[in-house]
């Protein structure tokens, strides 16, 4: 396709640092080279405080010594064998992760999207073999504003035009209802419903926390109608919200946990579907798999992550520092910030309509040596590593507050001048 044709269909080329990266990302103008704890360094030697944590993949910070040491040991022993053979870390990893979740069985994969796709397959097969749904009639309920990944199946039930546009036709079998509306969920359940798939807190949607009691209602409805409750905790899980899982805030347990990001310690991609034996047991040899899923390196790092979470130290830090984070951010309400969403060390600042787009605000914060990112056009997303110090957290929040105040004051001055 010629450049003119690309322009006519609305696709504009984006030159990366070296010109060879496809334009499926539009990164902020910084090139990172090193990282330690909550700090990173760019190719000019400038240091930045990380307030994004690679979308919660770096809950334990950059190059955590325990995780790096574990990876180094495993790198000298065995990194990959494929699932045609057993390896010494696989069963212990699955045992430890099942124990952390209070479950019985694990399907190890690599990426978050793979975990979601795995859960979709498991839910459908469970529906046909256990619930008795007629073949090819299984339906899964999802929520508006969701983000579960970017495969064609998952994109098909996204409500974000940027995720969907130009990628159809999409896989049928999904029904979308409003997030946080238990009544709408109840109305959507039919005899063919096999699962309800949702994020306990919607990350890409703006770090949106549902109304209190919603997750308990989801659990109750799923139990009453013999439907699987599938909780995508890929971003919200493993300490991010001040609990091991976001579901813990309402004391509910789903039928399947979907985990990823932080499970790999920021070193290797690791994801998993964790559930009961009578659900995951519907899989049989040859029905699902992954060459790299459950590889020895991933299992070693994942086991160390689980061991670190067992102490409760990181959940406690997220809870304590998260209270400080949200208190500071609420001070900005009425000063360019319309609402503050989130829980623990995870927040979305919904900007006032009079403020610049969130991307511009993130660029201004970047100039003050703090890394943030956006969730859509109007929300600035903040998620420091759980290892961030109190003083560093305060300094980073000072930078965000000053940018917000300056942008808001500038807007007010322009209005007065006009």
Protein backbone atom coordinates (compact mmCIF):
# COMPACT_ATOMS: atom_id res chain seq x y z
CA UNK A 1 0.00 0.00 0.00
CA UNK A 2 1.39 3.42 -0.94
CA UNK A 3 1.95 6.20 1.56
CA UNK A 4 -0.87 8.22 -0.03
CA UNK A 5 -3.23 5.28 0.35
CA UNK A 6 -2.23 4.85 4.02
CA UNK A 7 -2.97 8.52 4.61
CA UNK A 8 -6.36 8.29 2.91
CA UNK A 9 -7.47 5.40 5.15
CA UNK A 10 -6.35 7.29 8.24
CA UNK A 11 -3.10 5.46 8.99
CA UNK A 12 -0.21 7.82 9.57
CA UNK A 13 3.35 6.60 9.87
CA UNK A 14 5.14 7.13 13.18
CA UNK A 15 8.91 7.27 13.22
CA UNK A 16 10.35 5.41 16.17
CA UNK A 17 13.79 6.09 17.57
CA UNK A 18 15.38 4.03 14.77
CA UNK A 19 12.51 3.95 12.28
CA UNK A 20 11.95 0.18 12.33
CA UNK A 21 9.26 -0.25 15.00
CA UNK A 22 5.70 -0.62 13.72
CA UNK A 23 3.53 2.30 14.88
CA UNK A 24 1.29 0.33 17.24
CA UNK A 25 2.66 2.38 20.18
CA UNK A 26 3.18 6.09 20.64
CA UNK A 27 5.66 6.20 23.53
CA UNK A 28 6.49 9.27 25.54
CA UNK A 29 9.76 10.91 24.39
CA UNK A 30 12.26 9.13 26.61
CA UNK A 31 14.61 6.18 26.03
CA UNK A 32 15.24 4.14 29.17
CA UNK A 33 18.43 2.16 29.70
CA UNK A 34 18.67 1.16 33.37
CA UNK A 35 16.43 0.64 36.38
CA UNK A 36 16.63 -0.09 40.09
CA UNK A 37 13.75 -0.11 42.55
CA UNK A 38 11.36 2.71 41.74
CA UNK A 39 13.88 4.63 39.59
CA UNK A 40 15.03 4.38 35.97
CA UNK A 41 17.68 6.14 33.92
CA UNK A 42 17.57 7.33 30.31
CA UNK A 43 20.22 7.33 27.60
CA UNK A 44 21.39 10.79 28.70
CA UNK A 45 21.88 9.77 32.34
CA UNK A 46 18.72 11.49 33.62
CA UNK A 47 16.87 9.70 36.42
CA UNK A 48 13.09 9.30 36.50
CA UNK A 49 10.71 8.08 39.20
CA UNK A 50 8.55 5.30 37.78
CA UNK A 51 4.88 6.01 38.46
CA UNK A 52 3.59 3.43 35.98
CA UNK A 53 5.37 0.14 36.85
CA UNK A 54 4.85 -1.22 33.34
CA UNK A 55 1.09 -1.41 33.94
CA UNK A 56 1.67 -3.28 37.25
CA UNK A 57 4.18 -5.77 35.81
CA UNK A 58 6.83 -4.12 38.02
CA UNK A 59 5.03 -4.29 41.37
CA UNK A 60 8.36 -5.19 42.99
CA UNK A 61 10.31 -2.51 41.17
CA UNK A 62 13.08 -2.73 38.64
CA UNK A 63 15.70 -5.47 39.03
CA UNK A 64 14.64 -6.58 42.50
CA UNK A 65 17.71 -8.34 43.96
CA UNK A 66 15.80 -11.46 45.06
CA UNK A 67 14.18 -11.89 41.67
CA UNK A 68 17.36 -11.17 39.70
CA UNK A 69 19.31 -13.67 41.81
CA UNK A 70 16.64 -16.31 41.22
CA UNK A 71 16.65 -15.68 37.48
CA UNK A 72 20.46 -15.85 37.31
CA UNK A 73 20.53 -19.19 39.13
CA UNK A 74 17.92 -20.67 36.82
CA UNK A 75 19.61 -19.29 33.69
CA UNK A 76 22.63 -21.51 34.40
CA UNK A 77 20.51 -24.64 34.87
CA UNK A 78 17.55 -24.96 32.49
CA UNK A 79 15.43 -22.33 30.76
CA UNK A 80 13.15 -24.27 28.41
CA UNK A 81 12.20 -27.85 27.72
CA UNK A 82 8.68 -27.61 26.32
CA UNK A 83 5.73 -29.35 27.90
CA UNK A 84 6.58 -32.68 26.26
CA UNK A 85 8.66 -33.34 29.41
CA UNK A 86 8.39 -32.64 33.10
CA UNK A 87 10.65 -30.03 34.73
CA UNK A 88 11.56 -29.68 38.38
CA UNK A 89 9.98 -26.25 38.99
CA UNK A 90 6.64 -26.71 37.22
CA UNK A 91 4.67 -28.68 39.80
CA UNK A 92 6.04 -26.62 42.76
CA UNK A 93 5.12 -23.39 40.94
CA UNK A 94 1.57 -24.61 40.29
CA UNK A 95 1.27 -25.85 43.89
CA UNK A 96 2.51 -22.56 45.34
CA UNK A 97 0.31 -20.41 43.12
CA UNK A 98 -2.76 -22.52 43.78
CA UNK A 99 -2.04 -22.16 47.49
CA UNK A 100 -1.73 -18.38 47.25
CA UNK A 101 -5.13 -18.24 45.52
CA UNK A 102 -6.83 -20.83 47.71
CA UNK A 103 -7.43 -22.94 44.62
CA UNK A 104 -6.50 -26.42 43.39
CA UNK A 105 -5.12 -26.26 39.86
CA UNK A 106 -3.14 -23.99 37.53
CA UNK A 107 -2.76 -23.59 33.78
CA UNK A 108 0.55 -21.71 33.27
CA UNK A 109 0.81 -19.44 30.24
CA UNK A 110 2.90 -16.41 29.25
CA UNK A 111 0.90 -13.23 28.61
CA UNK A 112 -2.25 -11.80 30.07
CA UNK A 113 -4.11 -12.16 26.80
CA UNK A 114 -3.16 -15.84 26.70
CA UNK A 115 -4.61 -16.28 30.18
CA UNK A 116 -7.88 -14.66 29.08
CA UNK A 117 -8.06 -16.79 25.93
CA UNK A 118 -7.36 -19.88 28.04
CA UNK A 119 -10.19 -18.98 30.42
CA UNK A 120 -12.59 -18.50 27.51
CA UNK A 121 -11.77 -21.98 26.20
CA UNK A 122 -12.05 -23.53 29.66
CA UNK A 123 -15.39 -21.83 30.36
CA UNK A 124 -16.86 -22.99 27.08
CA UNK A 125 -15.67 -26.57 27.51
CA UNK A 126 -16.93 -26.58 31.10
CA UNK A 127 -20.28 -25.31 29.86
CA UNK A 128 -20.60 -28.11 27.31
CA UNK A 129 -19.23 -31.00 29.37
CA UNK A 130 -20.38 -30.10 32.89
CA UNK A 131 -23.29 -27.65 32.68
CA UNK A 132 -24.81 -29.26 29.58
CA UNK A 133 -25.08 -26.24 27.31
CA UNK A 134 -25.80 -27.34 23.70
CA UNK A 135 -22.75 -27.42 21.43
CA UNK A 136 -21.63 -24.05 20.08
CA UNK A 137 -24.27 -22.15 22.10
CA UNK A 138 -22.11 -21.06 25.07
CA UNK A 139 -22.30 -17.37 25.97
CA UNK A 140 -19.93 -15.32 28.13
CA UNK A 141 -20.97 -12.04 29.74
CA UNK A 142 -18.41 -9.21 29.78
CA UNK A 143 -18.54 -5.58 30.87
CA UNK A 144 -18.44 -2.29 29.00
CA UNK A 145 -15.19 -0.40 29.51
CA UNK A 146 -13.24 -3.63 29.84
CA UNK A 147 -9.69 -4.33 28.76
CA UNK A 148 -8.68 -7.98 28.63
CA UNK A 149 -6.07 -7.90 25.85
CA UNK A 150 -5.74 -7.38 22.11
CA UNK A 151 -6.27 -10.71 20.38
CA UNK A 152 -9.04 -10.72 17.78
CA UNK A 153 -11.44 -12.60 20.05
CA UNK A 154 -10.83 -10.24 22.97
CA UNK A 155 -10.91 -7.12 20.80
CA UNK A 156 -14.31 -8.25 19.58
CA UNK A 157 -15.93 -7.69 22.97
CA UNK A 158 -14.10 -4.45 23.75
CA UNK A 159 -16.13 -1.23 23.78
CA UNK A 160 -13.07 0.85 22.83
CA UNK A 161 -13.21 1.85 19.13
CA UNK A 162 -9.41 2.06 18.92
CA UNK A 163 -9.16 -1.58 19.98
CA UNK A 164 -11.87 -2.82 17.61
CA UNK A 165 -11.76 -0.64 14.50
CA UNK A 166 -10.48 -2.41 11.40
CA UNK A 167 -9.95 -5.82 13.01
CA UNK A 168 -13.27 -7.62 12.43
CA UNK A 169 -15.03 -9.91 11.84
CA UNK A 170 -15.09 -10.95 15.49
CA UNK A 171 -15.83 -14.12 17.40
CA UNK A 172 -19.48 -14.46 18.50
CA UNK A 173 -20.62 -15.67 21.91
CA UNK A 174 -20.19 -12.58 24.09
CA UNK A 175 -22.79 -10.32 25.71
CA UNK A 176 -21.78 -6.95 27.15
CA UNK A 177 -23.42 -5.29 30.17
CA UNK A 178 -22.65 -2.14 32.15
CA UNK A 179 -19.79 -2.52 34.64
CA UNK A 180 -20.97 -2.19 38.22
CA UNK A 181 -24.66 -2.85 37.42
CA UNK A 182 -25.69 -6.10 39.08
CA UNK A 183 -29.25 -5.74 37.79
CA UNK A 184 -28.07 -5.59 34.18
CA UNK A 185 -25.91 -8.65 34.80
CA UNK A 186 -28.84 -10.57 36.27
CA UNK A 187 -31.03 -9.70 33.29
CA UNK A 188 -28.36 -10.89 30.83
CA UNK A 189 -27.89 -14.39 32.29
CA UNK A 190 -29.56 -17.18 30.29
CA UNK A 191 -29.43 -20.95 30.27
CA UNK A 192 -26.56 -20.70 27.75
CA UNK A 193 -24.42 -18.44 29.94
CA UNK A 194 -21.25 -20.25 31.01
CA UNK A 195 -19.20 -17.41 32.55
CA UNK A 196 -19.05 -13.82 33.67
CA UNK A 197 -15.64 -12.33 32.81
CA UNK A 198 -14.69 -9.04 34.41
CA UNK A 199 -11.93 -6.99 35.99
CA UNK A 200 -12.61 -6.36 39.70
CA UNK A 201 -11.13 -2.91 39.01
CA UNK A 202 -11.04 -1.71 35.40
CA UNK A 203 -7.45 -0.63 34.70
CA UNK A 204 -7.41 0.67 31.14
CA UNK A 205 -10.92 2.00 31.69
CA UNK A 206 -9.48 4.56 34.14
CA UNK A 207 -8.78 2.51 37.31
CA UNK A 208 -12.52 2.30 37.97
CA UNK A 209 -13.66 0.67 41.22
CA UNK A 210 -17.21 -0.75 41.07
CA UNK A 211 -19.83 0.12 43.71
CA UNK A 212 -19.41 -1.57 47.07
CA UNK A 213 -21.14 -4.95 47.07
CA UNK A 214 -21.01 -5.40 43.29
CA UNK A 215 -18.48 -8.24 43.36
CA UNK A 216 -20.51 -9.99 46.07
CA UNK A 217 -23.57 -9.68 43.84
CA UNK A 218 -21.60 -11.14 40.91
CA UNK A 219 -20.53 -14.07 43.07
CA UNK A 220 -24.09 -14.66 44.26
CA UNK A 221 -25.60 -14.50 40.78
CA UNK A 222 -22.97 -16.84 39.34
CA UNK A 223 -23.57 -19.36 42.11
CA UNK A 224 -27.37 -19.17 41.75
CA UNK A 225 -27.29 -19.67 37.97
CA UNK A 226 -24.42 -22.21 37.78
CA UNK A 227 -22.15 -19.77 35.94
CA UNK A 228 -18.39 -19.39 36.33
CA UNK A 229 -17.14 -16.13 37.85
CA UNK A 230 -13.87 -15.31 36.05
CA UNK A 231 -11.87 -12.49 37.66
CA UNK A 232 -9.22 -10.86 35.47
CA UNK A 233 -6.70 -9.79 38.14
CA UNK A 234 -3.85 -9.43 35.66
CA UNK A 235 -3.36 -5.75 36.60
CA UNK A 236 -5.21 -5.57 39.91
CA UNK A 237 -3.75 -8.69 41.52
CA UNK A 238 -0.63 -9.54 43.50
CA UNK A 239 -0.58 -6.62 45.93
CA UNK A 240 -1.43 -3.68 43.69
CA UNK A 241 -4.63 -2.67 45.52
CA UNK A 242 -3.44 -3.24 49.10
CA UNK A 243 -4.63 -6.85 49.15
CA UNK A 244 -3.28 -9.91 47.38
CA UNK A 245 -6.27 -9.71 45.03
CA UNK A 246 -8.78 -6.93 44.38
CA UNK A 247 -11.54 -9.49 45.03
CA UNK A 248 -10.27 -9.71 48.62
CA UNK A 249 -11.69 -6.24 49.34
CA UNK A 250 -15.17 -7.76 49.16
CA UNK A 251 -14.23 -11.16 50.54
CA UNK A 252 -15.23 -13.04 47.40
CA UNK A 253 -13.50 -15.85 45.55
CA UNK A 254 -14.08 -16.30 41.81
CA UNK A 255 -14.12 -19.67 40.09
CA UNK A 256 -11.10 -18.66 38.01
CA UNK A 257 -8.37 -16.14 38.74
CA UNK A 258 -6.52 -14.74 35.74
CA UNK A 259 -3.03 -13.58 36.72
CA UNK A 260 -0.06 -12.13 34.87
CA UNK A 261 2.15 -9.03 34.76
CA UNK A 262 3.60 -8.92 38.32
CA UNK A 263 3.71 -12.72 38.44
CA UNK A 264 6.83 -12.52 36.26
CA UNK A 265 8.54 -10.04 38.59
CA UNK A 266 9.23 -7.65 35.72
CA UNK A 267 11.77 -10.16 34.38
CA UNK A 268 9.90 -12.67 32.24
CA UNK A 269 6.32 -12.86 30.94
CA UNK A 270 4.34 -15.21 33.18
CA UNK A 271 0.57 -15.64 33.34
CA UNK A 272 -1.77 -18.26 34.70
CA UNK A 273 -5.36 -19.37 35.05
CA UNK A 274 -5.98 -20.64 38.58
CA UNK A 275 -9.12 -22.48 39.64
CA UNK A 276 -10.83 -25.53 41.05
CA UNK A 277 -10.03 -29.02 39.85
CA UNK A 278 -13.58 -29.63 38.63
CA UNK A 279 -13.29 -26.60 36.32
CA UNK A 280 -9.73 -26.74 34.98
CA UNK A 281 -9.94 -30.54 34.91
CA UNK A 282 -12.08 -30.29 31.75
CA UNK A 283 -8.85 -29.82 29.80
CA UNK A 284 -7.19 -32.96 28.52
CA UNK A 285 -3.91 -33.61 26.67
CA UNK A 286 -3.87 -31.90 23.30
CA UNK A 287 -6.78 -29.53 23.99
CA UNK A 288 -4.65 -26.56 25.03
CA UNK A 289 -1.00 -25.70 25.41
CA UNK A 290 1.93 -23.31 25.06
CA UNK A 291 5.56 -23.99 24.18
CA UNK A 292 6.83 -21.45 26.71
CA UNK A 293 4.00 -21.70 29.25
CA UNK A 294 5.36 -23.00 32.55
CA UNK A 295 8.99 -22.92 31.39
CA UNK A 296 11.65 -23.43 34.10
CA UNK A 297 12.80 -19.80 34.14
CA UNK A 298 9.25 -18.50 34.44
CA UNK A 299 8.41 -20.99 37.18
CA UNK A 300 11.52 -20.11 39.19
CA UNK A 301 10.80 -16.38 39.07
CA UNK A 302 7.10 -16.94 39.69
CA UNK A 303 7.81 -19.04 42.78
CA UNK A 304 9.99 -16.27 44.19
CA UNK A 305 7.23 -13.71 43.56
CA UNK A 306 4.77 -15.94 45.42
CA UNK A 307 7.20 -16.34 48.32
CA UNK A 308 7.56 -12.55 48.57
CA UNK A 309 3.79 -12.09 48.61
CA UNK A 310 3.29 -14.67 51.35
CA UNK A 311 4.83 -12.34 53.95
CA UNK A 312 2.13 -9.71 53.42
CA UNK A 313 4.79 -6.98 53.38
CA UNK A 314 4.01 -5.72 49.90
CA UNK A 315 0.26 -5.78 50.38
CA UNK A 316 0.68 -3.77 53.59
CA UNK A 317 2.92 -1.22 51.88
CA UNK A 318 0.43 -0.82 49.05
CA UNK A 319 -2.41 -0.32 51.50
CA UNK A 320 -0.54 2.16 53.70
CA UNK A 321 1.15 4.17 50.95
CA UNK A 322 -1.99 3.92 48.83
CA UNK A 323 -3.94 5.77 51.51
CA UNK A 324 -1.31 8.50 51.37
CA UNK A 325 -1.41 8.55 47.55
CA UNK A 326 -5.18 8.93 47.36
CA UNK A 327 -5.31 11.57 50.11
CA UNK A 328 -2.75 13.67 48.23
CA UNK A 329 -4.56 13.24 44.91
CA UNK A 330 -7.94 14.17 46.40
CA UNK A 331 -6.42 17.52 47.33
CA UNK A 332 -6.37 18.25 43.59
CA UNK A 333 -10.15 17.93 43.22
CA UNK A 334 -11.45 21.22 41.87
CA UNK A 335 -7.96 22.17 40.68
CA UNK A 336 -8.01 20.53 37.28
CA UNK A 337 -9.01 17.10 38.56
CA UNK A 338 -12.66 16.06 38.36
CA UNK A 339 -12.38 12.69 40.13
CA UNK A 340 -9.82 10.31 41.63
CA UNK A 341 -10.40 6.61 41.02
CA UNK A 342 -8.58 3.53 42.25
CA UNK A 343 -7.39 1.63 45.29
CA UNK A 344 -4.02 1.01 46.92
CA UNK A 345 -1.00 2.21 44.94
CA UNK A 346 -3.15 2.54 41.82
CA UNK A 347 -5.00 5.66 40.76
CA UNK A 348 -6.65 7.31 37.80
CA UNK A 349 -6.89 11.11 37.80
CA UNK A 350 -9.89 12.09 35.70
CA UNK A 351 -9.03 15.53 34.36
CA UNK A 352 -11.44 18.42 34.11
CA UNK A 353 -12.69 19.28 30.64
CA UNK A 354 -10.77 22.56 30.81
CA UNK A 355 -7.47 20.75 31.27
CA UNK A 356 -5.14 19.69 28.44
CA UNK A 357 -5.49 16.09 27.21
CA UNK A 358 -4.00 13.52 29.57
CA UNK A 359 -1.20 12.85 27.09
CA UNK A 360 -0.02 16.47 27.34
CA UNK A 361 -0.18 16.33 31.12
CA UNK A 362 1.89 13.11 31.10
CA UNK A 363 4.48 14.86 28.90
CA UNK A 364 4.66 17.80 31.33
CA UNK A 365 5.09 15.40 34.26
CA UNK A 366 7.81 13.59 32.27
CA UNK A 367 9.75 16.85 32.01
CA UNK A 368 9.78 16.85 35.80
CA UNK A 369 11.36 13.36 35.74
CA UNK A 370 8.29 11.32 36.65
CA UNK A 371 6.90 8.55 34.40
CA UNK A 372 3.12 8.30 34.13
CA UNK A 373 0.75 7.32 31.37
CA UNK A 374 -2.83 7.76 30.28
CA UNK A 375 -6.07 5.82 30.26
CA UNK A 376 -7.95 7.24 27.28
CA UNK A 377 -7.97 11.00 26.67
CA UNK A 378 -8.96 12.39 30.05
CA UNK A 379 -7.32 10.18 32.68
CA UNK A 380 -3.75 10.21 33.99
CA UNK A 381 -2.77 6.82 35.38
CA UNK A 382 -0.48 6.46 38.41
CA UNK A 383 0.87 3.13 39.71
CA UNK A 384 4.24 3.32 41.52
CA UNK A 385 6.11 0.12 42.37
CA UNK A 386 5.12 -1.28 45.75
CA UNK A 387 8.72 -0.76 46.89
CA UNK A 388 8.58 3.03 46.45
CA UNK A 389 9.76 4.95 49.51
CA UNK A 390 7.48 7.42 51.28
CA UNK A 391 9.77 10.33 50.42
CA UNK A 392 9.97 9.35 46.75
CA UNK A 393 6.21 8.91 46.60
CA UNK A 394 5.71 12.38 48.05
CA UNK A 395 8.23 13.93 45.68
CA UNK A 396 6.56 12.33 42.66
CA UNK A 397 3.14 13.47 43.81
CA UNK A 398 4.52 16.99 44.26
CA UNK A 399 5.47 16.99 40.59
CA UNK A 400 2.04 15.75 39.48
CA UNK A 401 0.31 18.33 41.71
CA UNK A 402 2.41 21.21 40.42
CA UNK A 403 1.71 20.30 36.81
CA UNK A 404 -2.02 20.02 37.51
CA UNK A 405 -2.08 23.34 39.38
CA UNK A 406 -0.11 25.13 36.67
CA UNK A 407 -2.30 23.76 33.89
CA UNK A 408 -5.44 24.72 35.81
CA UNK A 409 -4.15 28.19 36.68
CA UNK A 410 -3.16 28.76 33.06
CA UNK A 411 -6.61 27.74 31.92
CA UNK A 412 -8.23 30.10 34.44
CA UNK A 413 -5.99 32.96 33.36
CA UNK A 414 -6.89 32.39 29.72
CA UNK A 415 -10.59 32.45 30.57
CA UNK A 416 -10.22 35.73 32.44
CA UNK A 417 -8.28 37.27 29.57
CA UNK A 418 -10.98 36.32 27.10
